[in-house]
């Protein structure tokens, strides 16, 4: 991805501007993806694979076949779950567990 702070997605016949730093998480809904940001929710006919390839790898991680989360929004991890702000929590998929554990190890101090 270019070092853009935003991108556009098609939603409901319009091009909706999404600020990268406002994204909290993205949910896969078959061929659609729903982007949840701090100020809106946008449904788009874009696959998770396309979004995952476009988003900066140092800011986002796919933790499950159905979820991409913003790394700076993670509050805690444990019990095969990722906890974000408020009452948001998502499972860590078996396929993505190694990457999540590597991320935790990279930023952990102590045991």
PDB file of N, CA and C in Angstrom:
ATOM      1  N   UNK A   1       0.839  -1.178   0.000  1.00  0.00           N
ATOM      2  CA  UNK A   1       0.000   0.000   0.000  1.00  0.00           C
ATOM      3  C   UNK A   1       0.884   1.240   0.000  1.00  0.00           C
ATOM      4  N   UNK A   2       0.433   2.238  -0.686  1.00  0.00           N
ATOM      5  CA  UNK A   2       1.105   3.529  -0.624  1.00  0.00           C
ATOM      6  C   UNK A   2       0.922   4.082   0.789  1.00  0.00           C
ATOM      7  N   UNK A   3       1.658   5.068   1.141  1.00  0.00           N
ATOM      8  CA  UNK A   3       1.588   5.603   2.499  1.00  0.00           C
ATOM      9  C   UNK A   3       0.426   6.575   2.672  1.00  0.00           C
ATOM     10  N   UNK A   4      -0.721   6.245   2.086  1.00  0.00           N
ATOM     11  CA  UNK A   4      -1.899   7.100   2.205  1.00  0.00           C
ATOM     12  C   UNK A   4      -2.525   6.970   3.585  1.00  0.00           C
ATOM     13  N   UNK A   5      -3.131   8.052   4.033  1.00  0.00           N
ATOM     14  CA  UNK A   5      -3.840   8.060   5.302  1.00  0.00           C
ATOM     15  C   UNK A   5      -5.292   7.644   5.128  1.00  0.00           C
ATOM     16  N   UNK A   6      -5.720   7.479   3.880  1.00  0.00           N
ATOM     17  CA  UNK A   6      -7.110   7.156   3.599  1.00  0.00           C
ATOM     18  C   UNK A   6      -7.209   6.368   2.306  1.00  0.00           C
ATOM     19  N   UNK A   7      -8.388   5.798   2.081  1.00  0.00           N
ATOM     20  CA  UNK A   7      -8.701   5.150   0.810  1.00  0.00           C
ATOM     21  C   UNK A   7     -10.202   5.246   0.594  1.00  0.00           C
ATOM     22  N   UNK A   8     -10.642   4.910  -0.586  1.00  0.00           N
ATOM     23  CA  UNK A   8     -12.062   4.932  -0.914  1.00  0.00           C
ATOM     24  C   UNK A   8     -12.539   3.519  -1.203  1.00  0.00           C
ATOM     25  N   UNK A   9     -13.775   3.213  -0.765  1.00  0.00           N
ATOM     26  CA  UNK A   9     -14.430   1.954  -1.118  1.00  0.00           C
ATOM     27  C   UNK A   9     -15.802   2.282  -1.682  1.00  0.00           C
ATOM     28  N   UNK A  10     -16.259   1.430  -2.582  1.00  0.00           N
ATOM     29  CA  UNK A  10     -17.607   1.582  -3.135  1.00  0.00           C
ATOM     30  C   UNK A  10     -18.610   1.039  -2.130  1.00  0.00           C
ATOM     31  N   UNK A  11     -19.635   1.843  -1.863  1.00  0.00           N
ATOM     32  CA  UNK A  11     -20.681   1.433  -0.939  1.00  0.00           C
ATOM     33  C   UNK A  11     -21.975   2.141  -1.321  1.00  0.00           C
ATOM     34  N   UNK A  12     -22.987   1.359  -1.663  1.00  0.00           N
ATOM     35  CA  UNK A  12     -24.280   1.946  -1.995  1.00  0.00           C
ATOM     36  C   UNK A  12     -24.249   2.914  -3.152  1.00  0.00           C
ATOM     37  N   UNK A  13     -23.434   2.637  -4.153  1.00  0.00           N
ATOM     38  CA  UNK A  13     -23.369   3.496  -5.335  1.00  0.00           C
ATOM     39  C   UNK A  13     -22.506   4.729  -5.187  1.00  0.00           C
ATOM     40  N   UNK A  14     -21.817   4.859  -4.058  1.00  0.00           N
ATOM     41  CA  UNK A  14     -20.933   6.002  -3.861  1.00  0.00           C
ATOM     42  C   UNK A  14     -19.540   5.507  -3.488  1.00  0.00           C
ATOM     43  N   UNK A  15     -18.578   6.393  -3.588  1.00  0.00           N
ATOM     44  CA  UNK A  15     -17.219   6.100  -3.128  1.00  0.00           C
ATOM     45  C   UNK A  15     -17.075   6.716  -1.740  1.00  0.00           C
ATOM     46  N   UNK A  16     -16.930   5.870  -0.732  1.00  0.00           N
ATOM     47  CA  UNK A  16     -16.865   6.323   0.655  1.00  0.00           C
ATOM     48  C   UNK A  16     -15.398   6.421   1.096  1.00  0.00           C
ATOM     49  N   UNK A  17     -15.023   7.563   1.619  1.00  0.00           N
ATOM     50  CA  UNK A  17     -13.655   7.773   2.105  1.00  0.00           C
ATOM     51  C   UNK A  17     -13.511   7.152   3.490  1.00  0.00           C
ATOM     52  N   UNK A  18     -12.455   6.369   3.666  1.00  0.00           N
ATOM     53  CA  UNK A  18     -12.150   5.717   4.938  1.00  0.00           C
ATOM     54  C   UNK A  18     -10.776   6.206   5.406  1.00  0.00           C
ATOM     55  N   UNK A  19     -10.725   6.761   6.592  1.00  0.00           N
ATOM     56  CA  UNK A  19      -9.457   7.165   7.181  1.00  0.00           C
ATOM     57  C   UNK A  19      -8.825   5.928   7.826  1.00  0.00           C
ATOM     58  N   UNK A  20      -7.627   5.575   7.427  1.00  0.00           N
ATOM     59  CA  UNK A  20      -6.975   4.361   7.893  1.00  0.00           C
ATOM     60  C   UNK A  20      -6.878   4.326   9.412  1.00  0.00           C
ATOM     61  N   UNK A  21      -6.484   5.412  10.041  1.00  0.00           N
ATOM     62  CA  UNK A  21      -6.299   5.419  11.491  1.00  0.00           C
ATOM     63  C   UNK A  21      -7.605   5.342  12.275  1.00  0.00           C
ATOM     64  N   UNK A  22      -8.740   5.528  11.611  1.00  0.00           N
ATOM     65  CA  UNK A  22     -10.020   5.447  12.318  1.00  0.00           C
ATOM     66  C   UNK A  22     -10.593   4.029  12.325  1.00  0.00           C
ATOM     67  N   UNK A  23     -10.018   3.119  11.531  1.00  0.00           N
ATOM     68  CA  UNK A  23     -10.537   1.752  11.457  1.00  0.00           C
ATOM     69  C   UNK A  23     -10.266   1.019  12.769  1.00  0.00           C
ATOM     70  N   UNK A  24     -11.319   0.395  13.309  1.00  0.00           N
ATOM     71  CA  UNK A  24     -11.198  -0.409  14.518  1.00  0.00           C
ATOM     72  C   UNK A  24     -11.045  -1.878  14.122  1.00  0.00           C
ATOM     73  N   UNK A  25     -11.952  -2.356  13.257  1.00  0.00           N
ATOM     74  CA  UNK A  25     -11.850  -3.721  12.740  1.00  0.00           C
ATOM     75  C   UNK A  25     -12.657  -3.850  11.468  1.00  0.00           C
ATOM     76  N   UNK A  26     -12.433  -4.956  10.776  1.00  0.00           N
ATOM     77  CA  UNK A  26     -13.143  -5.257   9.535  1.00  0.00           C
ATOM     78  C   UNK A  26     -13.672  -6.676   9.657  1.00  0.00           C
ATOM     79  N   UNK A  27     -14.921  -6.844   9.252  1.00  0.00           N
ATOM     80  CA  UNK A  27     -15.580  -8.148   9.334  1.00  0.00           C
ATOM     81  C   UNK A  27     -15.936  -8.643   7.942  1.00  0.00           C
ATOM     82  N   UNK A  28     -15.653  -9.903   7.683  1.00  0.00           N
ATOM     83  CA  UNK A  28     -15.992 -10.524   6.408  1.00  0.00           C
ATOM     84  C   UNK A  28     -17.430 -11.024   6.453  1.00  0.00           C
ATOM     85  N   UNK A  29     -18.167 -10.715   5.418  1.00  0.00           N
ATOM     86  CA  UNK A  29     -19.540 -11.197   5.266  1.00  0.00           C
ATOM     87  C   UNK A  29     -19.669 -11.756   3.858  1.00  0.00           C
ATOM     88  N   UNK A  30     -19.082 -12.940   3.663  1.00  0.00           N
ATOM     89  CA  UNK A  30     -18.986 -13.607   2.361  1.00  0.00           C
ATOM     90  C   UNK A  30     -18.199 -12.744   1.387  1.00  0.00           C
ATOM     91  N   UNK A  31     -18.808 -12.284   0.296  1.00  0.00           N
ATOM     92  CA  UNK A  31     -18.096 -11.454  -0.680  1.00  0.00           C
ATOM     93  C   UNK A  31     -18.027  -9.989  -0.263  1.00  0.00           C
ATOM     94  N   UNK A  32     -18.710  -9.655   0.789  1.00  0.00           N
ATOM     95  CA  UNK A  32     -18.723  -8.283   1.291  1.00  0.00           C
ATOM     96  C   UNK A  32     -17.807  -8.174   2.495  1.00  0.00           C
ATOM     97  N   UNK A  33     -17.421  -6.961   2.794  1.00  0.00           N
ATOM     98  CA  UNK A  33     -16.690  -6.669   4.018  1.00  0.00           C
ATOM     99  C   UNK A  33     -17.351  -5.476   4.667  1.00  0.00           C
ATOM    100  N   UNK A  34     -17.404  -5.490   5.983  1.00  0.00           N
ATOM    101  CA  UNK A  34     -17.954  -4.363   6.728  1.00  0.00           C
ATOM    102  C   UNK A  34     -16.816  -3.749   7.519  1.00  0.00           C
ATOM    103  N   UNK A  35     -16.565  -2.481   7.251  1.00  0.00           N
ATOM    104  CA  UNK A  35     -15.484  -1.744   7.904  1.00  0.00           C
ATOM    105  C   UNK A  35     -16.095  -0.947   9.049  1.00  0.00           C
ATOM    106  N   UNK A  36     -15.588  -1.201  10.241  1.00  0.00           N
ATOM    107  CA  UNK A  36     -16.055  -0.491  11.433  1.00  0.00           C
ATOM    108  C   UNK A  36     -14.975   0.509  11.814  1.00  0.00           C
ATOM    109  N   UNK A  37     -15.323   1.768  11.784  1.00  0.00           N
ATOM    110  CA  UNK A  37     -14.368   2.796  12.187  1.00  0.00           C
ATOM    111  C   UNK A  37     -14.894   3.486  13.436  1.00  0.00           C
ATOM    112  N   UNK A  38     -14.148   4.410  13.943  1.00  0.00           N
ATOM    113  CA  UNK A  38     -14.549   5.102  15.163  1.00  0.00           C
ATOM    114  C   UNK A  38     -15.787   5.962  14.963  1.00  0.00           C
ATOM    115  N   UNK A  39     -16.103   6.286  13.708  1.00  0.00           N
ATOM    116  CA  UNK A  39     -17.248   7.171  13.477  1.00  0.00           C
ATOM    117  C   UNK A  39     -18.273   6.653  12.470  1.00  0.00           C
ATOM    118  N   UNK A  40     -18.081   5.441  11.908  1.00  0.00           N
ATOM    119  CA  UNK A  40     -19.054   4.922  10.956  1.00  0.00           C
ATOM    120  C   UNK A  40     -18.834   3.447  10.678  1.00  0.00           C
ATOM    121  N   UNK A  41     -19.836   2.859  10.023  1.00  0.00           N
ATOM    122  CA  UNK A  41     -19.743   1.488   9.530  1.00  0.00           C
ATOM    123  C   UNK A  41     -20.045   1.535   8.037  1.00  0.00           C
ATOM    124  N   UNK A  42     -19.223   0.852   7.244  1.00  0.00           N
ATOM    125  CA  UNK A  42     -19.387   0.874   5.797  1.00  0.00           C
ATOM    126  C   UNK A  42     -19.345  -0.555   5.264  1.00  0.00           C
ATOM    127  N   UNK A  43     -20.379  -0.933   4.519  1.00  0.00           N
ATOM    128  CA  UNK A  43     -20.437  -2.237   3.861  1.00  0.00           C
ATOM    129  C   UNK A  43     -19.979  -2.047   2.419  1.00  0.00           C
ATOM    130  N   UNK A  44     -19.076  -2.932   1.975  1.00  0.00           N
ATOM    131  CA  UNK A  44     -18.550  -2.804   0.626  1.00  0.00           C
ATOM    132  C   UNK A  44     -18.393  -4.174  -0.028  1.00  0.00           C
ATOM    133  N   UNK A  45     -18.557  -4.210  -1.332  1.00  0.00           N
ATOM    134  CA  UNK A  45     -18.369  -5.442  -2.096  1.00  0.00           C
ATOM    135  C   UNK A  45     -16.879  -5.574  -2.415  1.00  0.00           C
ATOM    136  N   UNK A  46     -16.126  -5.807  -1.358  1.00  0.00           N
ATOM    137  CA  UNK A  46     -14.675  -5.974  -1.436  1.00  0.00           C
ATOM    138  C   UNK A  46     -14.318  -7.144  -0.532  1.00  0.00           C
ATOM    139  N   UNK A  47     -13.452  -8.003  -0.995  1.00  0.00           N
ATOM    140  CA  UNK A  47     -13.104  -9.175  -0.188  1.00  0.00           C
ATOM    141  C   UNK A  47     -12.093  -8.807   0.902  1.00  0.00           C
ATOM    142  N   UNK A  48     -12.044  -9.649   1.904  1.00  0.00           N
ATOM    143  CA  UNK A  48     -11.059  -9.467   2.978  1.00  0.00           C
ATOM    144  C   UNK A  48      -9.651  -9.556   2.409  1.00  0.00           C
ATOM    145  N   UNK A  49      -9.457 -10.444   1.472  1.00  0.00           N
ATOM    146  CA  UNK A  49      -8.132 -10.603   0.861  1.00  0.00           C
ATOM    147  C   UNK A  49      -7.680  -9.300   0.206  1.00  0.00           C
ATOM    148  N   UNK A  50      -8.594  -8.639  -0.511  1.00  0.00           N
ATOM    149  CA  UNK A  50      -8.242  -7.367  -1.146  1.00  0.00           C
ATOM    150  C   UNK A  50      -7.922  -6.298  -0.104  1.00  0.00           C
ATOM    151  N   UNK A  51      -8.743  -6.219   0.928  1.00  0.00           N
ATOM    152  CA  UNK A  51      -8.498  -5.236   1.985  1.00  0.00           C
ATOM    153  C   UNK A  51      -7.200  -5.531   2.724  1.00  0.00           C
ATOM    154  N   UNK A  52      -6.989  -6.791   3.047  1.00  0.00           N
ATOM    155  CA  UNK A  52      -5.777  -7.196   3.759  1.00  0.00           C
ATOM    156  C   UNK A  52      -4.523  -6.835   2.956  1.00  0.00           C
ATOM    157  N   UNK A  53      -4.575  -7.004   1.657  1.00  0.00           N
ATOM    158  CA  UNK A  53      -3.441  -6.667   0.806  1.00  0.00           C
ATOM    159  C   UNK A  53      -3.216  -5.175   0.685  1.00  0.00           C
ATOM    160  N   UNK A  54      -4.248  -4.396   0.893  1.00  0.00           N
ATOM    161  CA  UNK A  54      -4.166  -2.947   0.745  1.00  0.00           C
ATOM    162  C   UNK A  54      -3.757  -2.245   2.033  1.00  0.00           C
ATOM    163  N   UNK A  55      -4.185  -2.776   3.166  1.00  0.00           N
ATOM    164  CA  UNK A  55      -3.916  -2.120   4.450  1.00  0.00           C
ATOM    165  C   UNK A  55      -2.451  -2.264   4.852  1.00  0.00           C
ATOM    166  N   UNK A  56      -1.904  -1.264   5.550  1.00  0.00           N
ATOM    167  CA  UNK A  56      -0.503  -1.350   5.991  1.00  0.00           C
ATOM    168  C   UNK A  56      -0.319  -2.474   7.010  1.00  0.00           C
ATOM    169  N   UNK A  57       0.650  -3.345   6.758  1.00  0.00           N
ATOM    170  CA  UNK A  57       0.902  -4.522   7.596  1.00  0.00           C
ATOM    171  C   UNK A  57       1.344  -4.152   9.011  1.00  0.00           C
ATOM    172  N   UNK A  58       1.909  -2.978   9.174  1.00  0.00           N
ATOM    173  CA  UNK A  58       2.349  -2.568  10.507  1.00  0.00           C
ATOM    174  C   UNK A  58       1.213  -1.985  11.345  1.00  0.00           C
ATOM    175  N   UNK A  59       0.016  -1.882  10.771  1.00  0.00           N
ATOM    176  CA  UNK A  59      -1.120  -1.317  11.500  1.00  0.00           C
ATOM    177  C   UNK A  59      -2.299  -2.275  11.646  1.00  0.00           C
ATOM    178  N   UNK A  60      -2.331  -3.333  10.839  1.00  0.00           N
ATOM    179  CA  UNK A  60      -3.474  -4.245  10.836  1.00  0.00           C
ATOM    180  C   UNK A  60      -3.013  -5.690  10.784  1.00  0.00           C
ATOM    181  N   UNK A  61      -3.823  -6.573  11.398  1.00  0.00           N
ATOM    182  CA  UNK A  61      -3.519  -7.988  11.379  1.00  0.00           C
ATOM    183  C   UNK A  61      -4.815  -8.772  11.198  1.00  0.00           C
ATOM    184  N   UNK A  62      -4.738  -9.763  10.340  1.00  0.00           N
ATOM    185  CA  UNK A  62      -5.856 -10.684  10.203  1.00  0.00           C
ATOM    186  C   UNK A  62      -5.705 -11.716  11.306  1.00  0.00           C
ATOM    187  N   UNK A  63      -6.733 -11.835  12.150  1.00  0.00           N
ATOM    188  CA  UNK A  63      -6.675 -12.748  13.286  1.00  0.00           C
ATOM    189  C   UNK A  63      -7.594 -13.956  13.114  1.00  0.00           C
ATOM    190  N   UNK A  64      -8.425 -13.900  12.091  1.00  0.00           N
ATOM    191  CA  UNK A  64      -9.442 -14.937  11.864  1.00  0.00           C
ATOM    192  C   UNK A  64      -9.877 -14.802  10.414  1.00  0.00           C
ATOM    193  N   UNK A  65     -10.446 -15.853   9.840  1.00  0.00           N
ATOM    194  CA  UNK A  65     -10.894 -15.748   8.449  1.00  0.00           C
ATOM    195  C   UNK A  65     -11.932 -14.643   8.279  1.00  0.00           C
ATOM    196  N   UNK A  66     -12.585 -14.266   9.371  1.00  0.00           N
ATOM    197  CA  UNK A  66     -13.634 -13.255   9.296  1.00  0.00           C
ATOM    198  C   UNK A  66     -13.266 -11.898   9.877  1.00  0.00           C
ATOM    199  N   UNK A  67     -12.040 -11.739  10.428  1.00  0.00           N
ATOM    200  CA  UNK A  67     -11.717 -10.482  11.104  1.00  0.00           C
ATOM    201  C   UNK A  67     -10.293  -9.997  10.835  1.00  0.00           C
ATOM    202  N   UNK A  68     -10.203  -8.698  10.585  1.00  0.00           N
ATOM    203  CA  UNK A  68      -8.941  -7.962  10.580  1.00  0.00           C
ATOM    204  C   UNK A  68      -9.091  -6.911  11.671  1.00  0.00           C
ATOM    205  N   UNK A  69      -8.078  -6.755  12.512  1.00  0.00           N
ATOM    206  CA  UNK A  69      -8.155  -5.764  13.579  1.00  0.00           C
ATOM    207  C   UNK A  69      -7.020  -4.755  13.443  1.00  0.00           C
ATOM    208  N   UNK A  70      -7.287  -3.548  13.932  1.00  0.00           N
ATOM    209  CA  UNK A  70      -6.249  -2.522  13.994  1.00  0.00           C
ATOM    210  C   UNK A  70      -5.376  -2.817  15.207  1.00  0.00           C
ATOM    211  N   UNK A  71      -4.088  -2.937  15.010  1.00  0.00           N
ATOM    212  CA  UNK A  71      -3.171  -3.310  16.088  1.00  0.00           C
ATOM    213  C   UNK A  71      -3.184  -2.312  17.239  1.00  0.00           C
ATOM    214  N   UNK A  72      -3.334  -1.037  16.942  1.00  0.00           N
ATOM    215  CA  UNK A  72      -3.319  -0.039  18.011  1.00  0.00           C
ATOM    216  C   UNK A  72      -4.613  -0.016  18.823  1.00  0.00           C
ATOM    217  N   UNK A  73      -5.629  -0.755  18.384  1.00  0.00           N
ATOM    218  CA  UNK A  73      -6.902  -0.812  19.118  1.00  0.00           C
ATOM    219  C   UNK A  73      -6.976  -2.033  20.034  1.00  0.00           C
ATOM    220  N   UNK A  74      -5.976  -2.936  19.958  1.00  0.00           N
ATOM    221  CA  UNK A  74      -5.969  -4.123  20.816  1.00  0.00           C
ATOM    222  C   UNK A  74      -5.670  -3.702  22.250  1.00  0.00           C
ATOM    223  N   UNK A  75      -6.526  -4.149  23.179  1.00  0.00           N
ATOM    224  CA  UNK A  75      -6.340  -3.865  24.602  1.00  0.00           C
ATOM    225  C   UNK A  75      -5.685  -5.031  25.331  1.00  0.00           C
ATOM    226  N   UNK A  76      -6.076  -6.267  24.951  1.00  0.00           N
ATOM    227  CA  UNK A  76      -5.464  -7.446  25.559  1.00  0.00           C
ATOM    228  C   UNK A  76      -5.747  -8.666  24.693  1.00  0.00           C
ATOM    229  N   UNK A  77      -4.993  -9.738  24.956  1.00  0.00           N
ATOM    230  CA  UNK A  77      -5.163 -11.004  24.251  1.00  0.00           C
ATOM    231  C   UNK A  77      -5.058 -12.117  25.275  1.00  0.00           C
ATOM    232  N   UNK A  78      -5.856 -13.138  25.090  1.00  0.00           N
ATOM    233  CA  UNK A  78      -5.788 -14.284  25.981  1.00  0.00           C
ATOM    234  C   UNK A  78      -6.911 -15.249  25.701  1.00  0.00           C
ATOM    235  N   UNK A  79      -6.682 -16.516  26.023  1.00  0.00           N
ATOM    236  CA  UNK A  79      -7.705 -17.530  25.813  1.00  0.00           C
ATOM    237  C   UNK A  79      -8.150 -17.634  24.373  1.00  0.00           C
ATOM    238  N   UNK A  80      -7.224 -17.458  23.449  1.00  0.00           N
ATOM    239  CA  UNK A  80      -7.511 -17.501  22.012  1.00  0.00           C
ATOM    240  C   UNK A  80      -8.491 -16.414  21.576  1.00  0.00           C
ATOM    241  N   UNK A  81      -8.462 -15.289  22.278  1.00  0.00           N
ATOM    242  CA  UNK A  81      -9.321 -14.156  21.949  1.00  0.00           C
ATOM    243  C   UNK A  81      -8.487 -12.879  21.895  1.00  0.00           C
ATOM    244  N   UNK A  82      -8.951 -11.941  21.073  1.00  0.00           N
ATOM    245  CA  UNK A  82      -8.379 -10.602  21.009  1.00  0.00           C
ATOM    246  C   UNK A  82      -9.463  -9.647  21.498  1.00  0.00           C
ATOM    247  N   UNK A  83      -9.107  -8.793  22.442  1.00  0.00           N
ATOM    248  CA  UNK A  83     -10.051  -7.851  23.025  1.00  0.00           C
ATOM    249  C   UNK A  83      -9.703  -6.440  22.572  1.00  0.00           C
ATOM    250  N   UNK A  84     -10.678  -5.757  22.020  1.00  0.00           N
ATOM    251  CA  UNK A  84     -10.500  -4.376  21.596  1.00  0.00           C
ATOM    252  C   UNK A  84     -11.187  -3.469  22.614  1.00  0.00           C
ATOM    253  N   UNK A  85     -11.418  -2.249  22.227  1.00  0.00           N
ATOM    254  CA  UNK A  85     -12.073  -1.286  23.107  1.00  0.00           C
ATOM    255  C   UNK A  85     -13.498  -1.728  23.454  1.00  0.00           C
ATOM    256  N   UNK A  86     -14.031  -1.191  24.523  1.00  0.00           N
ATOM    257  CA  UNK A  86     -15.385  -1.469  25.002  1.00  0.00           C
ATOM    258  C   UNK A  86     -15.568  -2.966  25.207  1.00  0.00           C
ATOM    259  N   UNK A  87     -16.628  -3.522  24.671  1.00  0.00           N
ATOM    260  CA  UNK A  87     -16.916  -4.947  24.844  1.00  0.00           C
ATOM    261  C   UNK A  87     -16.675  -5.736  23.569  1.00  0.00           C
ATOM    262  N   UNK A  88     -15.754  -5.296  22.744  1.00  0.00           N
ATOM    263  CA  UNK A  88     -15.469  -5.990  21.487  1.00  0.00           C
ATOM    264  C   UNK A  88     -14.397  -7.045  21.705  1.00  0.00           C
ATOM    265  N   UNK A  89     -14.689  -8.267  21.305  1.00  0.00           N
ATOM    266  CA  UNK A  89     -13.687  -9.323  21.351  1.00  0.00           C
ATOM    267  C   UNK A  89     -13.957 -10.316  20.233  1.00  0.00           C
ATOM    268  N   UNK A  90     -12.868 -10.898  19.727  1.00  0.00           N
ATOM    269  CA  UNK A  90     -12.941 -11.759  18.555  1.00  0.00           C
ATOM    270  C   UNK A  90     -12.049 -12.981  18.746  1.00  0.00           C
ATOM    271  N   UNK A  91     -12.449 -14.107  18.162  1.00  0.00           N
ATOM    272  CA  UNK A  91     -11.619 -15.306  18.264  1.00  0.00           C
ATOM    273  C   UNK A  91     -10.378 -15.197  17.380  1.00  0.00           C
ATOM    274  N   UNK A  92      -9.335 -15.872  17.814  1.00  0.00           N
ATOM    275  CA  UNK A  92      -8.134 -15.984  16.994  1.00  0.00           C
ATOM    276  C   UNK A  92      -8.246 -17.313  16.262  1.00  0.00           C
ATOM    277  N   UNK A  93      -8.277 -17.274  14.942  1.00  0.00           N
ATOM    278  CA  UNK A  93      -8.386 -18.487  14.143  1.00  0.00           C
ATOM    279  C   UNK A  93      -7.106 -19.299  14.182  1.00  0.00           C
ATOM    280  N   UNK A  94      -7.254 -20.602  14.115  1.00  0.00           N
ATOM    281  CA  UNK A  94      -6.103 -21.515  14.163  1.00  0.00           C
ATOM    282  C   UNK A  94      -5.053 -21.149  13.105  1.00  0.00           C
ATOM    283  N   UNK A  95      -5.505 -20.822  11.908  1.00  0.00           N
ATOM    284  CA  UNK A  95      -4.605 -20.468  10.805  1.00  0.00           C
ATOM    285  C   UNK A  95      -3.767 -19.232  11.119  1.00  0.00           C
ATOM    286  N   UNK A  96      -4.292 -18.322  11.956  1.00  0.00           N
ATOM    287  CA  UNK A  96      -3.647 -17.040  12.207  1.00  0.00           C
ATOM    288  C   UNK A  96      -2.961 -16.979  13.572  1.00  0.00           C
ATOM    289  N   UNK A  97      -3.068 -18.048  14.358  1.00  0.00           N
ATOM    290  CA  UNK A  97      -2.550 -18.065  15.729  1.00  0.00           C
ATOM    291  C   UNK A  97      -1.047 -17.815  15.788  1.00  0.00           C
ATOM    292  N   UNK A  98      -0.288 -18.398  14.867  1.00  0.00           N
ATOM    293  CA  UNK A  98       1.168 -18.228  14.868  1.00  0.00           C
ATOM    294  C   UNK A  98       1.539 -16.755  14.675  1.00  0.00           C
ATOM    295  N   UNK A  99       0.888 -16.072  13.739  1.00  0.00           N
ATOM    296  CA  UNK A  99       1.171 -14.654  13.503  1.00  0.00           C
ATOM    297  C   UNK A  99       0.798 -13.804  14.713  1.00  0.00           C
ATOM    298  N   UNK A 100      -0.329 -14.118  15.335  1.00  0.00           N
ATOM    299  CA  UNK A 100      -0.755 -13.371  16.522  1.00  0.00           C
ATOM    300  C   UNK A 100       0.243 -13.589  17.659  1.00  0.00           C
ATOM    301  N   UNK A 101       0.670 -14.832  17.879  1.00  0.00           N
ATOM    302  CA  UNK A 101       1.644 -15.115  18.935  1.00  0.00           C
ATOM    303  C   UNK A 101       2.982 -14.426  18.667  1.00  0.00           C
ATOM    304  N   UNK A 102       3.390 -14.352  17.409  1.00  0.00           N
ATOM    305  CA  UNK A 102       4.627 -13.640  17.059  1.00  0.00           C
ATOM    306  C   UNK A 102       4.498 -12.157  17.382  1.00  0.00           C
ATOM    307  N   UNK A 103       3.337 -11.593  17.098  1.00  0.00           N
ATOM    308  CA  UNK A 103       3.090 -10.184  17.412  1.00  0.00           C
ATOM    309  C   UNK A 103       3.172  -9.958  18.917  1.00  0.00           C
ATOM    310  N   UNK A 104       2.531 -10.840  19.682  1.00  0.00           N
ATOM    311  CA  UNK A 104       2.557 -10.712  21.150  1.00  0.00           C
ATOM    312  C   UNK A 104       3.998 -10.795  21.658  1.00  0.00           C
ATOM    313  N   UNK A 105       4.755 -11.769  21.158  1.00  0.00           N
ATOM    314  CA  UNK A 105       6.135 -11.951  21.598  1.00  0.00           C
ATOM    315  C   UNK A 105       7.002 -10.742  21.280  1.00  0.00           C
ATOM    316  N   UNK A 106       6.767 -10.154  20.142  1.00  0.00           N
ATOM    317  CA  UNK A 106       7.555  -8.999  19.708  1.00  0.00           C
ATOM    318  C   UNK A 106       7.396  -7.816  20.661  1.00  0.00           C
ATOM    319  N   UNK A 107       6.216  -7.692  21.259  1.00  0.00           N
ATOM    320  CA  UNK A 107       5.930  -6.530  22.113  1.00  0.00           C
ATOM    321  C   UNK A 107       5.741  -6.901  23.576  1.00  0.00           C
ATOM    322  N   UNK A 108       6.250  -8.065  23.993  1.00  0.00           N
ATOM    323  CA  UNK A 108       6.088  -8.491  25.386  1.00  0.00           C
ATOM    324  C   UNK A 108       7.356  -8.262  26.186  1.00  0.00           C
ATOM    325  N   UNK A 109       7.171  -7.937  27.460  1.00  0.00           N
ATOM    326  CA  UNK A 109       8.271  -7.786  28.408  1.00  0.00           C
ATOM    327  C   UNK A 109       8.011  -8.771  29.531  1.00  0.00           C
ATOM    328  N   UNK A 110       9.013  -9.501  29.925  1.00  0.00           N
ATOM    329  CA  UNK A 110       8.858 -10.462  31.019  1.00  0.00           C
ATOM    330  C   UNK A 110       8.218 -11.751  30.541  1.00  0.00           C
ATOM    331  N   UNK A 111       7.687 -12.505  31.489  1.00  0.00           N
ATOM    332  CA  UNK A 111       7.080 -13.813  31.173  1.00  0.00           C
ATOM    333  C   UNK A 111       5.755 -13.584  30.604  1.00  0.00           C
TER     334      UNK A 111
END
